[in-house]
Protein backbone atom coordinates (compact mmCIF):
# COMPACT_ATOMS: atom_id res chain seq x y z
CA MET A 1 92.36 -116.46 92.14
CA THR A 2 94.10 -115.04 95.59
CA THR A 3 96.08 -116.80 98.65
CA ALA A 4 96.52 -115.92 101.99
CA VAL A 5 100.09 -116.16 102.38
CA GLU A 6 102.15 -113.52 100.46
CA ILE A 7 105.48 -111.89 101.15
CA GLY A 8 106.33 -110.95 104.38
CA ASP A 9 102.74 -111.79 105.98
CA ASP A 10 102.14 -113.77 109.14
CA ALA A 11 102.55 -117.86 108.74
CA ASP A 12 99.53 -118.10 111.22
CA ALA A 13 97.26 -114.74 108.66
CA VAL A 14 95.13 -117.40 107.14
CA ALA A 15 91.53 -116.86 105.48
CA PRO A 16 88.90 -118.57 107.86
CA SER A 17 88.12 -121.27 105.08
CA VAL A 18 91.34 -123.12 104.54
CA GLN A 19 94.06 -124.54 107.50
CA ARG A 20 97.42 -123.88 106.69
CA ARG A 21 100.40 -125.53 108.14
CA ILE A 22 103.58 -124.23 108.31
CA TYR A 23 105.98 -125.34 110.00
CA GLY A 24 109.54 -123.60 110.62
CA ARG A 25 110.68 -120.40 109.91
CA ARG A 26 109.74 -118.57 106.42
CA GLN A 27 112.09 -116.35 106.61
CA SER A 28 116.15 -116.71 108.12
CA HIS A 29 118.61 -114.19 107.62
CA ARG A 30 118.39 -110.20 105.21
CA ILE A 31 117.58 -111.15 101.57
CA ARG A 32 120.46 -109.26 99.39
CA PRO A 33 118.63 -106.17 97.08
CA ALA A 34 119.63 -107.88 94.06
CA ARG A 35 117.11 -111.09 95.22
CA ARG A 36 114.71 -108.96 97.19
CA ARG A 37 114.33 -106.76 93.70
CA LEU A 38 113.66 -109.89 92.54
CA LEU A 39 110.91 -111.10 94.99
CA GLU A 40 108.90 -108.34 94.41
CA ASN A 41 109.31 -108.19 90.65
CA ARG A 42 110.46 -111.75 89.29
CA LEU A 43 108.17 -113.91 91.85
CA PRO A 44 104.53 -111.84 90.70
CA ASP A 45 105.36 -113.35 86.96
CA ILE A 46 105.61 -116.72 88.27
CA GLN A 47 103.89 -117.28 91.35
CA ILE A 48 100.80 -119.75 91.61
CA ARG A 49 97.92 -118.95 94.38
CA LEU A 50 95.49 -121.34 95.78
CA PRO A 51 92.27 -120.30 95.25
CA GLU A 52 90.53 -119.62 97.96
CA ASP A 53 87.03 -121.46 97.09
CA GLY A 54 88.65 -124.92 97.33
CA SER A 55 88.10 -125.02 93.04
CA ALA A 56 91.53 -126.81 91.30
CA ILE A 57 94.39 -125.46 89.98
CA ASN A 58 94.01 -125.98 86.07
CA LEU A 59 97.70 -126.66 84.47
CA ASP A 60 96.73 -126.34 81.63
CA GLU A 61 96.79 -122.15 81.84
CA LEU A 62 99.72 -121.86 83.90
CA PRO A 63 102.57 -121.85 81.06
CA SER A 64 103.67 -119.96 78.37
CA GLN A 65 103.71 -122.24 75.67
CA GLN A 66 102.36 -126.36 75.89
CA ALA A 67 104.23 -127.82 78.46
CA ARG A 68 104.89 -131.64 77.36
CA SER A 69 104.39 -132.65 81.22
CA PHE A 70 104.05 -131.27 84.74
CA TRP A 71 106.79 -131.80 87.63
CA LEU A 72 106.27 -130.77 91.29
CA GLU A 73 108.75 -130.30 93.68
CA VAL A 74 107.51 -129.97 98.17
CA GLY A 75 110.38 -128.11 99.86
CA PHE A 76 113.05 -127.26 97.15
CA GLY A 77 114.88 -125.56 99.75
CA GLY A 78 117.45 -123.47 97.69
CA GLY A 79 115.88 -124.17 94.06
CA GLU A 80 119.12 -125.85 92.83
CA HIS A 81 117.38 -129.32 92.10
CA LEU A 82 114.69 -127.57 90.41
CA ALA A 83 116.41 -125.60 88.33
CA GLU A 84 118.80 -128.04 87.38
CA GLN A 85 115.74 -129.61 86.23
CA ALA A 86 114.06 -126.72 84.51
CA ALA A 87 117.06 -125.80 82.69
CA ALA A 88 118.17 -129.68 81.25
CA ASN A 89 114.08 -130.33 80.11
CA PRO A 90 112.47 -126.90 79.16
CA ASP A 91 109.27 -128.73 78.00
CA VAL A 92 108.65 -129.38 81.29
CA LEU A 93 106.59 -127.69 83.33
CA LEU A 94 108.28 -127.31 86.97
CA VAL A 95 105.78 -125.92 89.91
CA GLY A 96 108.49 -125.87 93.22
CA CYS A 97 106.39 -125.43 96.97
CA GLU A 98 108.33 -123.25 99.46
CA PRO A 99 107.07 -121.86 102.11
CA TYR A 100 110.89 -120.14 102.62
CA VAL A 101 111.59 -117.40 101.30
CA ASN A 102 114.75 -116.93 101.53
CA GLY A 103 115.38 -120.33 99.79
CA VAL A 104 112.87 -119.01 97.20
CA ALA A 105 114.86 -116.21 96.61
CA ARG A 106 117.58 -117.96 95.66
CA LEU A 107 115.59 -120.20 93.40
CA LEU A 108 114.72 -116.81 91.90
CA SER A 109 118.51 -115.78 91.32
CA LEU A 110 118.92 -118.83 89.72
CA ILE A 111 116.34 -119.43 87.31
CA GLU A 112 116.60 -115.71 85.04
CA ASN A 113 114.77 -115.77 82.58
CA ALA A 114 112.83 -119.60 82.74
CA ASP A 115 109.73 -119.37 81.72
CA ASN A 116 108.89 -123.25 82.53
CA VAL A 117 109.34 -122.81 86.90
CA ARG A 118 105.98 -122.41 88.25
CA VAL A 119 106.78 -121.38 92.12
CA VAL A 120 104.10 -121.53 95.40
CA ILE A 121 104.37 -120.08 98.50
CA ASP A 122 102.00 -122.01 100.98
CA ASP A 123 101.74 -125.05 103.17
CA ALA A 124 102.31 -127.92 100.62
CA ARG A 125 99.38 -129.85 101.76
CA LEU A 126 96.84 -127.87 100.31
CA LEU A 127 98.99 -127.19 97.19
CA LEU A 128 98.14 -131.21 96.85
CA LYS A 129 94.81 -131.15 97.48
CA ALA A 130 93.86 -128.24 94.51
CA LEU A 131 96.33 -129.76 92.05
CA PRO A 132 93.88 -131.77 89.12
CA THR A 133 93.60 -136.39 89.49
CA ALA A 134 95.95 -137.38 87.40
CA SER A 135 97.81 -134.31 86.28
CA LEU A 136 101.20 -134.48 87.10
CA ASP A 137 104.56 -137.05 85.70
CA ARG A 138 106.40 -136.19 88.81
CA ILE A 139 107.11 -135.62 92.46
CA PHE A 140 110.24 -134.94 94.09
CA VAL A 141 110.18 -134.66 97.99
CA LEU A 142 114.12 -134.54 98.45
CA PHE A 143 115.72 -134.72 102.42
CA PRO A 144 112.07 -132.88 103.80
CA ASP A 145 112.78 -132.07 107.51
CA PRO A 146 113.14 -134.99 108.83
CA TRP A 147 111.13 -133.99 112.09
CA PRO A 148 112.96 -136.14 114.82
CA LYS A 149 111.29 -135.95 117.41
CA THR A 150 108.03 -138.40 118.19
CA ARG A 151 106.38 -136.03 119.26
CA HIS A 152 106.50 -133.92 115.48
CA HIS A 153 106.69 -137.05 113.85
CA LYS A 154 102.70 -135.51 112.22
CA ARG A 155 104.57 -132.70 110.91
CA ARG A 156 106.90 -135.42 108.35
CA ILE A 157 105.85 -134.45 105.33
CA VAL A 158 105.71 -137.94 103.80
CA ASN A 159 102.26 -139.77 105.78
CA PRO A 160 99.82 -141.85 104.99
CA GLU A 161 97.80 -138.64 104.18
CA THR A 162 99.79 -136.26 101.85
CA LEU A 163 101.36 -140.11 99.83
CA SER A 164 97.34 -140.69 99.25
CA ASP A 165 97.02 -137.43 97.44
CA MET A 166 99.96 -137.60 95.45
CA ALA A 167 99.07 -140.66 94.66
CA ARG A 168 96.05 -139.18 93.16
CA ILE A 169 97.52 -136.28 90.83
CA LEU A 170 100.24 -138.32 90.17
CA LYS A 171 99.00 -139.91 86.25
CA PRO A 172 98.81 -143.54 85.88
CA GLY A 173 102.78 -144.37 85.84
CA GLY A 174 104.13 -141.12 86.76
CA GLU A 175 107.01 -141.47 89.08
CA LEU A 176 107.32 -140.40 93.21
CA ARG A 177 111.01 -139.94 94.07
CA LEU A 178 111.63 -139.48 97.64
CA ALA A 179 115.37 -138.99 99.68
CA THR A 180 116.08 -138.46 103.25
CA ASP A 181 119.56 -138.69 104.88
CA ILE A 182 117.55 -139.74 108.03
CA MET A 183 117.29 -143.41 108.50
CA SER A 184 113.97 -143.57 110.59
CA TYR A 185 112.78 -141.21 108.26
CA ALA A 186 113.53 -143.57 105.27
CA ARG A 187 111.68 -146.86 106.96
CA SER A 188 109.54 -144.32 107.49
CA MET A 189 108.57 -143.23 103.97
CA LEU A 190 109.54 -146.17 102.40
CA SER A 191 106.88 -148.21 104.80
CA SER A 192 104.12 -145.48 104.44
CA THR A 193 103.95 -145.48 100.40
CA LEU A 194 103.98 -148.53 99.70
CA ALA A 195 101.70 -149.58 102.31
CA ASN A 196 99.20 -146.81 100.15
CA GLY A 197 98.76 -149.98 97.56
CA GLN A 198 99.18 -147.40 94.50
CA PHE A 199 102.96 -147.61 94.32
CA ASP A 200 105.80 -149.65 92.78
CA TRP A 201 109.07 -149.72 94.37
CA LEU A 202 111.27 -149.68 91.42
CA ALA A 203 114.20 -151.19 93.37
CA GLN A 204 116.07 -154.62 92.14
CA GLY A 205 119.13 -153.95 93.63
CA PRO A 206 120.48 -151.67 96.84
CA ASP A 207 122.33 -149.68 93.88
CA ASP A 208 119.75 -148.47 92.79
CA TRP A 209 119.10 -146.73 96.62
CA ARG A 210 121.68 -146.30 97.08
CA LYS A 211 123.35 -144.31 94.32
CA ARG A 212 121.37 -140.77 93.85
CA PRO A 213 120.43 -141.19 89.59
CA GLU A 214 122.12 -139.53 86.98
CA ASP A 215 119.21 -137.10 86.01
CA TRP A 216 119.08 -137.13 89.69
CA PRO A 217 121.00 -133.36 90.30
CA GLN A 218 122.53 -133.12 93.78
CA THR A 219 120.94 -130.66 96.77
CA ARG A 220 123.07 -129.02 99.08
CA TYR A 221 120.81 -130.87 101.53
CA GLU A 222 123.19 -133.97 99.93
CA ALA A 223 126.03 -132.33 100.12
CA LYS A 224 125.92 -131.52 104.49
CA ALA A 225 124.94 -135.16 105.18
CA ARG A 226 127.91 -136.67 103.01
CA THR A 227 129.97 -134.07 104.84
CA ALA A 228 128.15 -135.17 107.90
CA GLY A 229 128.80 -138.49 107.67
CA ARG A 230 125.54 -139.73 107.03
CA SER A 231 124.22 -142.12 103.82
CA PRO A 232 121.23 -140.98 101.91
CA VAL A 233 118.62 -142.94 100.31
CA PHE A 234 116.98 -142.70 97.18
CA PHE A 235 113.62 -143.81 96.73
CA ARG A 236 111.99 -143.93 93.01
CA PHE A 237 108.07 -145.33 92.29
CA LEU A 238 105.96 -145.67 89.81
CA ARG A 239 102.57 -145.14 90.19
CA ARG A 240 100.46 -148.47 89.29
């Protein structure tokens, strides 16, 4: 397997057989030496490289020991949610996709020697298409970039196309978790997911989407939203 996006590569340098769409920054401030060493020495052991030939990723070949189930977090940011889920669920293989290199470096500093985490530094849309049908038990998309300007709404990661991909790769009974603090995006998430026709919304009352479940660790983006006076919403859907 090979990948067209490596640490330090230009985000626009892609192989002709694929079309990547990575919006926003790939790296911001200078990465500290200790985290740079993690990128150089630890990352190669847990990085998944997307197949350029269009073939599917074989999840059973990824873990060092047989995993009970497979979870995916799209856009894990600083990695705090992914790291906590990995620690709390040692029999689950968690795949995290994040193009922001600083966030990848921070995740590596949080997971230490955990062997149930794998990382993809690439376009999440390509990863969704490369995963096998009915292979995942849970997907998280937590506080994705809302791209508030109307002309940028097409960049939103939760949209009808990606929801169709998520429905395909989730097992029947698998769970999709979405969160945002931007109400226009929340309405779009909810309407698009219900319109997909393959998901059941698990909420029975307002508290089911206003309050974060106990097994759902807080992210830095939720904390920032609350500090700014915005109330996040937490959606849980079950794949039919």
